[in-house]
């Protein structure tokens, strides 16, 4: 088994990224580098490298003399990100259904089981598990560039997914939509997969626009 050793910068990136995605660092709040460096027991160099990567991801914005600030959520950004997902993701998931091997199918089933387990946990990492599930459907049928673009869109969408799941009952709806999507995907019903994927993404966007515009 290959052992992956992450650099200090990469570890810091993952920690701060998670704080942003779960809402520990709120939109619009400054990133207090001294406090984070002290908390993690690291120097400013790996922290700055990590923050630069997070800015590239679209999660932070840097300002002269102010440092880094967590990007605000906006209806305009949500509309753009989810519109791009609608253009690429349903077709890629449908192609994935056709090209999936038995191993791909096993991994997708495991990804949904992991997501449902996280949703049941009070402090579960639902956002990351949701990402892994959706990408498991796309991976078998997408080319490298398409996969990377969709993966990047998911990074931008993750904070919005967290906001979307907060109102009571939406997690149950999302869970059922995921199960229906996986069932059709495993049966290689590509047109159905594409339709369900469109409805799932569009429904999330519709809810978000109502939330963010109010």
N, C-alpha and C. Protein backbone atom coordinates (compact mmCIF):
# COMPACT_ATOMS: atom_id res chain seq x y z
N UNK A 1 0.84 -1.20 0.00
CA UNK A 1 0.00 0.00 0.00
C UNK A 1 0.88 1.25 0.00
N UNK A 2 0.55 2.18 -0.88
CA UNK A 2 1.33 3.41 -0.98
C UNK A 2 0.95 4.36 0.15
N UNK A 3 1.96 4.87 0.85
CA UNK A 3 1.73 5.81 1.94
C UNK A 3 1.96 7.23 1.43
N UNK A 4 0.96 8.06 1.57
CA UNK A 4 1.04 9.44 1.11
C UNK A 4 1.38 10.34 2.30
N UNK A 5 2.49 11.04 2.20
CA UNK A 5 2.90 11.95 3.25
C UNK A 5 2.62 13.37 2.78
N UNK A 6 1.72 14.06 3.46
CA UNK A 6 1.36 15.41 3.07
C UNK A 6 2.34 16.42 3.66
N UNK A 7 2.63 17.45 2.88
CA UNK A 7 3.47 18.52 3.36
C UNK A 7 2.72 19.32 4.42
N UNK A 8 3.46 20.11 5.19
CA UNK A 8 2.84 20.95 6.21
C UNK A 8 1.88 21.95 5.58
N UNK A 9 2.26 22.47 4.42
CA UNK A 9 1.39 23.40 3.71
C UNK A 9 0.08 22.73 3.30
N UNK A 10 0.17 21.48 2.82
CA UNK A 10 -1.02 20.76 2.39
C UNK A 10 -1.92 20.43 3.58
N UNK A 11 -1.33 20.03 4.69
CA UNK A 11 -2.11 19.75 5.89
C UNK A 11 -2.84 21.01 6.36
N UNK A 12 -2.14 22.13 6.32
CA UNK A 12 -2.73 23.41 6.73
C UNK A 12 -3.87 23.79 5.79
N UNK A 13 -3.64 23.59 4.51
CA UNK A 13 -4.67 23.86 3.50
C UNK A 13 -5.95 23.07 3.80
N UNK A 14 -5.80 21.79 4.10
CA UNK A 14 -6.96 20.94 4.37
C UNK A 14 -7.71 21.40 5.63
N UNK A 15 -6.96 21.79 6.66
CA UNK A 15 -7.59 22.21 7.91
C UNK A 15 -8.37 23.51 7.74
N UNK A 16 -7.73 24.51 7.12
CA UNK A 16 -8.39 25.80 6.95
C UNK A 16 -9.55 25.68 5.96
N UNK A 17 -9.36 24.89 4.93
CA UNK A 17 -10.43 24.66 3.95
C UNK A 17 -11.67 24.08 4.63
N UNK A 18 -11.45 23.10 5.50
CA UNK A 18 -12.58 22.49 6.21
C UNK A 18 -13.27 23.51 7.10
N UNK A 19 -12.50 24.37 7.76
CA UNK A 19 -13.10 25.40 8.62
C UNK A 19 -14.00 26.33 7.81
N UNK A 20 -13.59 26.63 6.59
CA UNK A 20 -14.41 27.49 5.72
C UNK A 20 -15.67 26.74 5.29
N UNK A 21 -15.51 25.50 4.87
CA UNK A 21 -16.63 24.75 4.31
C UNK A 21 -17.69 24.41 5.35
N UNK A 22 -17.28 24.17 6.59
CA UNK A 22 -18.27 23.84 7.62
C UNK A 22 -18.81 25.08 8.33
N UNK A 23 -18.26 26.24 7.98
CA UNK A 23 -18.79 27.48 8.54
C UNK A 23 -18.12 27.95 9.82
N UNK A 24 -17.01 27.30 10.21
CA UNK A 24 -16.29 27.80 11.38
C UNK A 24 -15.68 29.17 11.09
N UNK A 25 -15.23 29.35 9.84
CA UNK A 25 -14.81 30.66 9.36
C UNK A 25 -15.94 31.19 8.49
N UNK A 26 -16.65 32.18 8.98
CA UNK A 26 -17.86 32.65 8.33
C UNK A 26 -17.56 33.53 7.11
N UNK A 27 -18.47 33.56 6.13
CA UNK A 27 -18.30 34.44 4.98
C UNK A 27 -18.12 35.89 5.43
N UNK A 28 -17.13 36.55 4.83
CA UNK A 28 -16.86 37.94 5.17
C UNK A 28 -15.91 38.13 6.33
N UNK A 29 -15.56 37.05 7.03
CA UNK A 29 -14.70 37.18 8.21
C UNK A 29 -13.23 37.18 7.79
N UNK A 30 -12.39 37.94 8.52
CA UNK A 30 -10.96 37.95 8.21
C UNK A 30 -10.29 36.66 8.67
N UNK A 31 -9.26 36.26 7.95
CA UNK A 31 -8.47 35.10 8.35
C UNK A 31 -7.34 35.60 9.24
N UNK A 32 -7.39 35.31 10.51
CA UNK A 32 -6.41 35.81 11.45
C UNK A 32 -5.20 34.88 11.46
N UNK A 33 -4.21 35.25 10.68
CA UNK A 33 -3.07 34.37 10.45
C UNK A 33 -2.29 34.08 11.72
N UNK A 34 -2.10 35.08 12.58
CA UNK A 34 -1.35 34.85 13.82
C UNK A 34 -2.03 33.80 14.68
N UNK A 35 -3.36 33.91 14.80
CA UNK A 35 -4.11 32.98 15.64
C UNK A 35 -4.08 31.57 15.06
N UNK A 36 -4.22 31.45 13.74
CA UNK A 36 -4.22 30.13 13.11
C UNK A 36 -2.84 29.49 13.21
N UNK A 37 -1.80 30.28 12.96
CA UNK A 37 -0.44 29.75 13.05
C UNK A 37 -0.14 29.25 14.47
N UNK A 38 -0.60 30.02 15.47
CA UNK A 38 -0.39 29.62 16.86
C UNK A 38 -1.18 28.36 17.20
N UNK A 39 -2.43 28.32 16.74
CA UNK A 39 -3.29 27.16 17.01
C UNK A 39 -2.72 25.89 16.40
N UNK A 40 -2.19 25.98 15.18
CA UNK A 40 -1.69 24.81 14.48
C UNK A 40 -0.23 24.53 14.78
N UNK A 41 0.43 25.48 15.44
CA UNK A 41 1.85 25.30 15.77
C UNK A 41 2.74 25.31 14.56
N UNK A 42 2.45 26.21 13.62
CA UNK A 42 3.23 26.28 12.38
C UNK A 42 3.74 27.70 12.17
N UNK A 43 4.65 27.85 11.22
CA UNK A 43 5.15 29.17 10.87
C UNK A 43 4.22 29.80 9.84
N UNK A 44 4.48 31.06 9.50
CA UNK A 44 3.64 31.77 8.54
C UNK A 44 3.84 31.27 7.10
N UNK A 45 5.00 30.65 6.83
CA UNK A 45 5.30 30.26 5.44
C UNK A 45 4.32 29.21 4.92
N UNK A 46 4.15 28.05 5.59
CA UNK A 46 3.17 27.08 5.07
C UNK A 46 1.74 27.61 5.13
N UNK A 47 1.45 28.48 6.10
CA UNK A 47 0.11 29.05 6.19
C UNK A 47 -0.17 29.94 4.98
N UNK A 48 0.78 30.77 4.62
CA UNK A 48 0.59 31.65 3.47
C UNK A 48 0.44 30.85 2.18
N UNK A 49 1.20 29.76 2.07
CA UNK A 49 1.07 28.89 0.90
C UNK A 49 -0.34 28.29 0.83
N UNK A 50 -0.84 27.87 1.98
CA UNK A 50 -2.18 27.29 2.04
C UNK A 50 -3.25 28.33 1.70
N UNK A 51 -3.11 29.54 2.23
CA UNK A 51 -4.10 30.59 1.98
C UNK A 51 -4.09 31.00 0.51
N UNK A 52 -2.93 30.99 -0.10
CA UNK A 52 -2.84 31.31 -1.53
C UNK A 52 -3.60 30.27 -2.35
N UNK A 53 -3.48 29.02 -1.99
CA UNK A 53 -4.22 27.95 -2.68
C UNK A 53 -5.72 28.13 -2.48
N UNK A 54 -6.13 28.51 -1.29
CA UNK A 54 -7.55 28.69 -1.01
C UNK A 54 -8.12 29.89 -1.77
N UNK A 55 -7.29 30.89 -1.97
CA UNK A 55 -7.73 32.01 -2.81
C UNK A 55 -7.92 31.54 -4.25
N UNK A 56 -7.00 30.72 -4.72
CA UNK A 56 -7.12 30.16 -6.07
C UNK A 56 -8.38 29.30 -6.20
N UNK A 57 -8.75 28.62 -5.13
CA UNK A 57 -9.97 27.81 -5.13
C UNK A 57 -11.24 28.66 -5.16
N UNK A 58 -11.11 29.94 -4.87
CA UNK A 58 -12.28 30.81 -4.83
C UNK A 58 -12.93 30.90 -3.47
N UNK A 59 -12.23 30.43 -2.42
CA UNK A 59 -12.80 30.45 -1.08
C UNK A 59 -12.36 31.68 -0.27
N UNK A 60 -11.25 32.28 -0.66
CA UNK A 60 -10.73 33.47 0.03
C UNK A 60 -10.49 34.59 -0.98
N UNK A 61 -10.46 35.81 -0.46
CA UNK A 61 -10.06 36.97 -1.25
C UNK A 61 -8.99 37.71 -0.46
N UNK A 62 -7.95 38.16 -1.14
CA UNK A 62 -6.89 38.91 -0.46
C UNK A 62 -7.01 40.39 -0.78
N UNK A 63 -6.72 41.21 0.23
CA UNK A 63 -6.77 42.66 0.09
C UNK A 63 -5.46 43.26 0.59
N UNK A 64 -4.93 44.26 -0.12
CA UNK A 64 -3.72 44.93 0.36
C UNK A 64 -3.93 45.51 1.76
N UNK A 65 -2.99 45.25 2.63
CA UNK A 65 -3.01 45.78 4.01
C UNK A 65 -4.11 45.18 4.88
N UNK A 66 -4.90 44.27 4.34
CA UNK A 66 -5.96 43.63 5.14
C UNK A 66 -5.78 42.13 5.25
N UNK A 67 -5.03 41.56 4.34
CA UNK A 67 -4.84 40.12 4.36
C UNK A 67 -6.00 39.40 3.67
N UNK A 68 -6.28 38.20 4.16
CA UNK A 68 -7.29 37.35 3.52
C UNK A 68 -8.63 37.44 4.25
N UNK A 69 -9.69 37.39 3.44
CA UNK A 69 -11.05 37.39 3.96
C UNK A 69 -11.82 36.26 3.29
N UNK A 70 -12.67 35.57 4.05
CA UNK A 70 -13.50 34.51 3.49
C UNK A 70 -14.51 35.14 2.54
N UNK A 71 -14.60 34.60 1.34
CA UNK A 71 -15.50 35.18 0.34
C UNK A 71 -16.95 35.08 0.79
N UNK A 72 -17.70 36.14 0.49
CA UNK A 72 -19.12 36.15 0.80
C UNK A 72 -19.87 35.19 -0.12
N UNK A 73 -20.99 34.69 0.37
CA UNK A 73 -21.90 33.93 -0.48
C UNK A 73 -22.80 34.91 -1.22
N UNK A 74 -23.15 34.57 -2.45
CA UNK A 74 -24.02 35.46 -3.21
C UNK A 74 -24.91 34.67 -4.15
N UNK A 75 -26.08 35.20 -4.42
CA UNK A 75 -27.00 34.55 -5.36
C UNK A 75 -26.39 34.50 -6.75
N UNK A 76 -25.64 35.54 -7.12
CA UNK A 76 -25.03 35.59 -8.45
C UNK A 76 -24.00 34.48 -8.63
N UNK A 77 -23.16 34.29 -7.61
CA UNK A 77 -22.15 33.24 -7.71
C UNK A 77 -22.81 31.87 -7.72
N UNK A 78 -23.80 31.67 -6.86
CA UNK A 78 -24.50 30.38 -6.83
C UNK A 78 -25.12 30.07 -8.18
N UNK A 79 -25.75 31.06 -8.79
CA UNK A 79 -26.38 30.87 -10.09
C UNK A 79 -25.35 30.47 -11.14
N UNK A 80 -24.20 31.13 -11.11
CA UNK A 80 -23.16 30.83 -12.10
C UNK A 80 -22.58 29.43 -11.91
N UNK A 81 -22.25 29.11 -10.65
CA UNK A 81 -21.63 27.81 -10.37
C UNK A 81 -22.59 26.66 -10.71
N UNK A 82 -23.84 26.78 -10.28
CA UNK A 82 -24.79 25.68 -10.50
C UNK A 82 -25.23 25.61 -11.96
N UNK A 83 -25.25 26.74 -12.67
CA UNK A 83 -25.56 26.72 -14.10
C UNK A 83 -24.47 25.97 -14.86
N UNK A 84 -23.23 26.16 -14.47
CA UNK A 84 -22.14 25.44 -15.11
C UNK A 84 -22.20 23.95 -14.78
N UNK A 85 -22.56 23.63 -13.54
CA UNK A 85 -22.75 22.21 -13.20
C UNK A 85 -23.84 21.59 -14.06
N UNK A 86 -24.90 22.32 -14.29
CA UNK A 86 -26.00 21.81 -15.11
C UNK A 86 -25.56 21.52 -16.55
N UNK A 87 -24.63 22.29 -17.04
CA UNK A 87 -24.16 22.10 -18.41
C UNK A 87 -23.27 20.86 -18.55
N UNK A 88 -22.57 20.52 -17.49
CA UNK A 88 -21.56 19.46 -17.59
C UNK A 88 -21.90 18.18 -16.83
N UNK A 89 -22.44 18.32 -15.63
CA UNK A 89 -22.52 17.18 -14.73
C UNK A 89 -23.55 16.12 -15.12
N UNK A 90 -24.77 16.49 -15.52
CA UNK A 90 -25.74 15.44 -15.86
C UNK A 90 -25.28 14.54 -17.00
N UNK A 91 -24.72 15.14 -18.03
CA UNK A 91 -24.23 14.35 -19.16
C UNK A 91 -23.06 13.46 -18.75
N UNK A 92 -22.18 14.00 -17.91
CA UNK A 92 -21.02 13.21 -17.45
C UNK A 92 -21.46 12.05 -16.57
N UNK A 93 -22.46 12.27 -15.71
CA UNK A 93 -22.97 11.18 -14.87
C UNK A 93 -23.65 10.11 -15.72
N UNK A 94 -24.37 10.54 -16.76
CA UNK A 94 -25.02 9.59 -17.67
C UNK A 94 -23.98 8.75 -18.40
N UNK A 95 -22.90 9.38 -18.84
CA UNK A 95 -21.82 8.64 -19.50
C UNK A 95 -21.16 7.68 -18.52
N UNK A 96 -21.03 8.13 -17.27
CA UNK A 96 -20.44 7.28 -16.24
C UNK A 96 -21.25 6.02 -16.01
N UNK A 97 -22.57 6.13 -16.08
CA UNK A 97 -23.44 4.97 -15.90
C UNK A 97 -23.18 3.91 -16.96
N UNK A 98 -22.91 4.35 -18.18
CA UNK A 98 -22.67 3.42 -19.28
C UNK A 98 -21.30 2.77 -19.20
N UNK A 99 -20.32 3.51 -18.74
CA UNK A 99 -18.94 3.04 -18.78
C UNK A 99 -18.45 2.43 -17.47
N UNK A 100 -19.26 2.50 -16.43
CA UNK A 100 -18.82 2.04 -15.11
C UNK A 100 -18.52 0.54 -15.11
N UNK A 101 -17.41 0.19 -14.50
CA UNK A 101 -17.09 -1.21 -14.27
C UNK A 101 -17.75 -1.67 -12.97
N UNK A 102 -17.64 -2.95 -12.68
CA UNK A 102 -18.18 -3.46 -11.42
C UNK A 102 -17.51 -2.77 -10.24
N UNK A 103 -16.21 -2.48 -10.36
CA UNK A 103 -15.49 -1.79 -9.30
C UNK A 103 -15.99 -0.36 -9.14
N UNK A 104 -16.25 0.32 -10.25
CA UNK A 104 -16.80 1.68 -10.20
C UNK A 104 -18.15 1.69 -9.49
N UNK A 105 -18.96 0.69 -9.79
CA UNK A 105 -20.27 0.60 -9.16
C UNK A 105 -20.15 0.35 -7.66
N UNK A 106 -19.22 -0.48 -7.30
CA UNK A 106 -19.00 -0.75 -5.87
C UNK A 106 -18.58 0.52 -5.14
N UNK A 107 -17.69 1.27 -5.76
CA UNK A 107 -17.20 2.50 -5.14
C UNK A 107 -18.31 3.54 -5.01
N UNK A 108 -19.19 3.60 -6.00
CA UNK A 108 -20.31 4.55 -5.93
C UNK A 108 -21.27 4.17 -4.81
N UNK A 109 -21.53 2.87 -4.66
CA UNK A 109 -22.40 2.41 -3.57
C UNK A 109 -21.77 2.73 -2.22
N UNK A 110 -20.48 2.52 -2.11
CA UNK A 110 -19.78 2.83 -0.86
C UNK A 110 -19.80 4.34 -0.58
N UNK A 111 -19.68 5.13 -1.63
CA UNK A 111 -19.70 6.59 -1.46
C UNK A 111 -21.05 7.07 -0.95
N UNK A 112 -22.14 6.49 -1.45
CA UNK A 112 -23.46 6.88 -0.96
C UNK A 112 -23.65 6.41 0.48
N UNK A 113 -23.21 5.20 0.80
CA UNK A 113 -23.32 4.70 2.17
C UNK A 113 -22.55 5.61 3.13
N UNK A 114 -21.36 6.05 2.71
CA UNK A 114 -20.55 6.94 3.55
C UNK A 114 -21.25 8.28 3.73
N UNK A 115 -21.87 8.79 2.66
CA UNK A 115 -22.59 10.06 2.75
C UNK A 115 -23.76 9.96 3.72
N UNK A 116 -24.52 8.88 3.62
CA UNK A 116 -25.67 8.71 4.51
C UNK A 116 -25.22 8.56 5.97
N UNK A 117 -24.10 7.92 6.18
CA UNK A 117 -23.57 7.79 7.54
C UNK A 117 -23.17 9.15 8.09
N UNK A 118 -22.54 9.98 7.27
CA UNK A 118 -22.15 11.32 7.70
C UNK A 118 -23.37 12.18 7.99
N UNK A 119 -24.44 12.02 7.21
CA UNK A 119 -25.65 12.80 7.41
C UNK A 119 -26.33 12.47 8.73
N UNK A 120 -26.12 11.26 9.22
CA UNK A 120 -26.72 10.84 10.49
C UNK A 120 -25.93 11.33 11.70
N UNK A 121 -24.68 11.70 11.46
CA UNK A 121 -23.80 12.13 12.55
C UNK A 121 -23.96 13.62 12.81
N UNK A 122 -24.01 13.98 14.08
CA UNK A 122 -24.19 15.39 14.44
C UNK A 122 -23.05 16.26 13.93
N UNK A 123 -21.84 15.72 13.91
CA UNK A 123 -20.69 16.49 13.44
C UNK A 123 -20.08 15.86 12.19
N UNK A 124 -20.92 15.19 11.40
CA UNK A 124 -20.44 14.50 10.20
C UNK A 124 -19.99 15.47 9.11
N UNK A 125 -19.05 15.03 8.31
CA UNK A 125 -18.54 15.84 7.20
C UNK A 125 -19.39 15.55 5.96
N UNK A 126 -20.61 16.03 5.99
CA UNK A 126 -21.56 15.77 4.91
C UNK A 126 -21.08 16.38 3.60
N UNK A 127 -20.46 17.56 3.66
CA UNK A 127 -20.09 18.27 2.46
C UNK A 127 -19.05 17.49 1.65
N UNK A 128 -18.01 17.01 2.32
CA UNK A 128 -16.98 16.23 1.62
C UNK A 128 -17.54 14.92 1.10
N UNK A 129 -18.37 14.26 1.90
CA UNK A 129 -18.96 12.99 1.47
C UNK A 129 -19.89 13.19 0.28
N UNK A 130 -20.62 14.30 0.26
CA UNK A 130 -21.50 14.62 -0.86
C UNK A 130 -20.67 14.80 -2.14
N UNK A 131 -19.56 15.49 -1.99
CA UNK A 131 -18.64 15.69 -3.12
C UNK A 131 -18.14 14.36 -3.65
N UNK A 132 -17.68 13.48 -2.77
CA UNK A 132 -17.16 12.18 -3.18
C UNK A 132 -18.22 11.35 -3.90
N UNK A 133 -19.46 11.41 -3.41
CA UNK A 133 -20.52 10.63 -4.05
C UNK A 133 -20.76 11.10 -5.48
N UNK A 134 -20.94 12.41 -5.66
CA UNK A 134 -21.23 12.92 -7.00
C UNK A 134 -20.07 12.66 -7.97
N UNK A 135 -18.85 12.80 -7.48
CA UNK A 135 -17.71 12.57 -8.37
C UNK A 135 -17.55 11.09 -8.70
N UNK A 136 -18.03 10.20 -7.83
CA UNK A 136 -17.95 8.76 -8.11
C UNK A 136 -18.84 8.39 -9.29
N UNK A 137 -19.91 9.14 -9.50
CA UNK A 137 -20.80 8.89 -10.64
C UNK A 137 -20.21 9.43 -11.94
N UNK A 138 -19.41 10.46 -11.82
CA UNK A 138 -18.85 11.14 -12.99
C UNK A 138 -17.55 10.49 -13.46
N UNK A 139 -16.76 10.01 -12.52
CA UNK A 139 -15.40 9.54 -12.81
C UNK A 139 -15.32 8.53 -13.95
N UNK A 140 -16.18 7.51 -14.03
CA UNK A 140 -16.00 6.49 -15.07
C UNK A 140 -16.19 7.01 -16.50
N UNK A 141 -16.98 8.05 -16.67
CA UNK A 141 -17.30 8.48 -18.04
C UNK A 141 -16.72 9.80 -18.48
N UNK A 142 -16.06 10.51 -17.59
CA UNK A 142 -15.55 11.85 -17.92
C UNK A 142 -14.09 11.80 -18.31
N UNK A 143 -13.73 12.62 -19.29
CA UNK A 143 -12.33 12.81 -19.61
C UNK A 143 -11.65 13.60 -18.50
N UNK A 144 -10.33 13.63 -18.53
CA UNK A 144 -9.58 14.27 -17.46
C UNK A 144 -9.95 15.73 -17.28
N UNK A 145 -10.04 16.48 -18.38
CA UNK A 145 -10.33 17.91 -18.28
C UNK A 145 -11.74 18.14 -17.75
N UNK A 146 -12.70 17.39 -18.28
CA UNK A 146 -14.09 17.52 -17.82
C UNK A 146 -14.19 17.19 -16.33
N UNK A 147 -13.51 16.13 -15.93
CA UNK A 147 -13.52 15.73 -14.52
C UNK A 147 -12.95 16.84 -13.64
N UNK A 148 -11.83 17.41 -14.06
CA UNK A 148 -11.19 18.46 -13.26
C UNK A 148 -12.06 19.70 -13.16
N UNK A 149 -12.74 20.05 -14.25
CA UNK A 149 -13.61 21.23 -14.24
C UNK A 149 -14.78 21.01 -13.29
N UNK A 150 -15.42 19.84 -13.38
CA UNK A 150 -16.56 19.55 -12.50
C UNK A 150 -16.11 19.48 -11.04
N UNK A 151 -14.95 18.89 -10.81
CA UNK A 151 -14.41 18.82 -9.44
C UNK A 151 -14.20 20.23 -8.88
N UNK A 152 -13.69 21.12 -9.70
CA UNK A 152 -13.47 22.52 -9.29
C UNK A 152 -14.79 23.21 -8.99
N UNK A 153 -15.81 22.95 -9.81
CA UNK A 153 -17.12 23.53 -9.57
C UNK A 153 -17.71 23.03 -8.25
N UNK A 154 -17.45 21.77 -7.94
CA UNK A 154 -17.93 21.24 -6.67
C UNK A 154 -17.28 21.91 -5.48
N UNK A 155 -16.00 22.24 -5.61
CA UNK A 155 -15.31 22.97 -4.53
C UNK A 155 -16.01 24.30 -4.29
N UNK A 156 -16.33 25.01 -5.37
CA UNK A 156 -17.01 26.29 -5.24
C UNK A 156 -18.44 26.13 -4.73
N UNK A 157 -19.05 24.97 -5.04
CA UNK A 157 -20.45 24.75 -4.64
C UNK A 157 -20.61 24.28 -3.21
N UNK A 158 -19.53 23.79 -2.60
CA UNK A 158 -19.67 23.10 -1.31
C UNK A 158 -20.24 23.98 -0.20
N UNK A 159 -19.83 25.23 -0.14
CA UNK A 159 -20.38 26.11 0.90
C UNK A 159 -21.87 26.34 0.68
N UNK A 160 -22.27 26.39 -0.57
CA UNK A 160 -23.69 26.59 -0.88
C UNK A 160 -24.49 25.34 -0.55
N UNK A 161 -23.90 24.17 -0.76
CA UNK A 161 -24.57 22.92 -0.40
C UNK A 161 -24.83 22.88 1.10
N UNK A 162 -23.86 23.32 1.89
CA UNK A 162 -24.05 23.35 3.35
C UNK A 162 -25.21 24.26 3.72
N UNK A 163 -25.28 25.43 3.12
CA UNK A 163 -26.38 26.37 3.39
C UNK A 163 -27.71 25.76 2.96
N UNK A 164 -27.70 25.06 1.84
CA UNK A 164 -28.93 24.46 1.33
C UNK A 164 -29.48 23.39 2.25
N UNK A 165 -28.59 22.61 2.87
CA UNK A 165 -29.03 21.49 3.70
C UNK A 165 -29.48 21.91 5.09
N UNK A 166 -29.22 23.16 5.46
CA UNK A 166 -29.54 23.59 6.82
C UNK A 166 -31.04 23.56 7.14
N UNK A 167 -31.93 24.07 6.26
CA UNK A 167 -33.35 24.05 6.62
C UNK A 167 -33.86 22.63 6.84
N UNK A 168 -34.72 22.48 7.81
CA UNK A 168 -35.23 21.17 8.18
C UNK A 168 -35.91 20.48 7.01
N UNK A 169 -35.59 19.22 6.80
CA UNK A 169 -36.25 18.42 5.79
C UNK A 169 -35.50 18.30 4.49
N UNK A 170 -34.61 19.24 4.19
CA UNK A 170 -33.90 19.17 2.91
C UNK A 170 -32.89 18.03 2.87
N UNK A 171 -32.34 17.66 4.01
CA UNK A 171 -31.40 16.55 4.01
C UNK A 171 -32.12 15.25 3.64
N UNK A 172 -33.35 15.09 4.09
CA UNK A 172 -34.12 13.89 3.75
C UNK A 172 -34.44 13.87 2.25
N UNK A 173 -34.78 15.02 1.71
CA UNK A 173 -35.07 15.11 0.27
C UNK A 173 -33.82 14.80 -0.54
N UNK A 174 -32.69 15.37 -0.12
CA UNK A 174 -31.44 15.13 -0.83
C UNK A 174 -31.06 13.65 -0.77
N UNK A 175 -31.29 13.03 0.38
CA UNK A 175 -30.96 11.61 0.53
C UNK A 175 -31.76 10.76 -0.44
N UNK A 176 -33.06 11.05 -0.58
CA UNK A 176 -33.89 10.27 -1.49
C UNK A 176 -33.48 10.51 -2.94
N UNK A 177 -33.14 11.75 -3.27
CA UNK A 177 -32.70 12.06 -4.63
C UNK A 177 -31.40 11.33 -4.95
N UNK A 178 -30.50 11.26 -3.99
CA UNK A 178 -29.25 10.53 -4.20
C UNK A 178 -29.50 9.05 -4.41
N UNK A 179 -30.40 8.46 -3.63
CA UNK A 179 -30.70 7.04 -3.79
C UNK A 179 -31.31 6.74 -5.15
N UNK A 180 -32.24 7.59 -5.57
CA UNK A 180 -32.87 7.41 -6.89
C UNK A 180 -31.84 7.53 -8.00
N UNK A 181 -30.95 8.50 -7.85
CA UNK A 181 -29.91 8.72 -8.85
C UNK A 181 -28.99 7.52 -8.95
N UNK A 182 -28.55 7.00 -7.80
CA UNK A 182 -27.65 5.86 -7.81
C UNK A 182 -28.34 4.61 -8.37
N UNK A 183 -29.59 4.41 -8.03
CA UNK A 183 -30.32 3.23 -8.53
C UNK A 183 -30.35 3.23 -10.05
N UNK A 184 -30.69 4.36 -10.64
CA UNK A 184 -30.72 4.44 -12.11
C UNK A 184 -29.32 4.32 -12.70
N UNK A 185 -28.34 4.88 -12.01
CA UNK A 185 -26.95 4.83 -12.49
C UNK A 185 -26.45 3.38 -12.51
N UNK A 186 -26.75 2.63 -11.46
CA UNK A 186 -26.31 1.24 -11.39
C UNK A 186 -26.99 0.39 -12.47
N UNK A 187 -28.21 0.76 -12.84
CA UNK A 187 -28.95 0.02 -13.88
C UNK A 187 -28.60 0.51 -15.28
N UNK A 188 -27.67 1.47 -15.37
CA UNK A 188 -27.19 2.03 -16.63
C UNK A 188 -28.30 2.71 -17.43
N UNK A 189 -29.26 3.28 -16.73
CA UNK A 189 -30.34 4.01 -17.39
C UNK A 189 -29.91 5.46 -17.58
N UNK A 190 -29.07 5.67 -18.59
CA UNK A 190 -28.44 6.97 -18.78
C UNK A 190 -29.41 8.14 -18.95
N UNK A 191 -30.47 8.02 -19.76
CA UNK A 191 -31.41 9.15 -19.87
C UNK A 191 -32.04 9.51 -18.54
N UNK A 192 -32.38 8.49 -17.74
CA UNK A 192 -32.97 8.74 -16.43
C UNK A 192 -31.95 9.39 -15.49
N UNK A 193 -30.71 8.92 -15.56
CA UNK A 193 -29.65 9.52 -14.74
C UNK A 193 -29.49 10.99 -15.07
N UNK A 194 -29.50 11.31 -16.35
CA UNK A 194 -29.34 12.70 -16.77
C UNK A 194 -30.50 13.55 -16.25
N UNK A 195 -31.72 13.05 -16.38
CA UNK A 195 -32.89 13.79 -15.91
C UNK A 195 -32.86 14.00 -14.40
N UNK A 196 -32.55 12.94 -13.65
CA UNK A 196 -32.50 13.05 -12.19
C UNK A 196 -31.39 14.00 -11.74
N UNK A 197 -30.27 13.97 -12.43
CA UNK A 197 -29.17 14.86 -12.09
C UNK A 197 -29.54 16.31 -12.33
N UNK A 198 -30.19 16.58 -13.46
CA UNK A 198 -30.66 17.94 -13.75
C UNK A 198 -31.62 18.41 -12.67
N UNK A 199 -32.59 17.58 -12.33
CA UNK A 199 -33.58 17.96 -11.32
C UNK A 199 -32.94 18.20 -9.96
N UNK A 200 -31.97 17.38 -9.61
CA UNK A 200 -31.29 17.50 -8.32
C UNK A 200 -30.51 18.82 -8.23
N UNK A 201 -29.75 19.11 -9.25
CA UNK A 201 -28.94 20.34 -9.24
C UNK A 201 -29.82 21.57 -9.34
N UNK A 202 -30.82 21.52 -10.23
CA UNK A 202 -31.70 22.68 -10.41
C UNK A 202 -32.53 22.95 -9.16
N UNK A 203 -32.98 21.88 -8.50
CA UNK A 203 -33.76 22.05 -7.28
C UNK A 203 -32.93 22.71 -6.19
N UNK A 204 -31.67 22.31 -6.07
CA UNK A 204 -30.79 22.94 -5.10
C UNK A 204 -30.59 24.41 -5.41
N UNK A 205 -30.37 24.72 -6.69
CA UNK A 205 -30.17 26.11 -7.09
C UNK A 205 -31.42 26.94 -6.81
N UNK A 206 -32.58 26.41 -7.12
CA UNK A 206 -33.82 27.17 -6.87
C UNK A 206 -33.97 27.52 -5.38
N UNK A 207 -33.69 26.55 -4.54
CA UNK A 207 -33.77 26.79 -3.09
C UNK A 207 -32.77 27.85 -2.65
N UNK A 208 -31.56 27.74 -3.18
CA UNK A 208 -30.50 28.69 -2.79
C UNK A 208 -30.83 30.12 -3.21
N UNK A 209 -31.36 30.27 -4.40
CA UNK A 209 -31.69 31.61 -4.87
C UNK A 209 -32.75 32.27 -3.98
N UNK A 210 -33.70 31.47 -3.53
CA UNK A 210 -34.71 31.99 -2.62
C UNK A 210 -34.09 32.40 -1.30
N UNK A 211 -33.17 31.56 -0.80
CA UNK A 211 -32.50 31.87 0.48
C UNK A 211 -31.62 33.11 0.39
N UNK A 212 -30.82 33.16 -0.65
CA UNK A 212 -29.79 34.20 -0.75
C UNK A 212 -30.34 35.54 -1.19
N UNK A 213 -31.48 35.53 -1.83
CA UNK A 213 -32.07 36.80 -2.30
C UNK A 213 -32.98 37.42 -1.26
N UNK A 214 -33.32 36.66 -0.21
CA UNK A 214 -34.19 37.18 0.85
C UNK A 214 -33.37 37.87 1.95
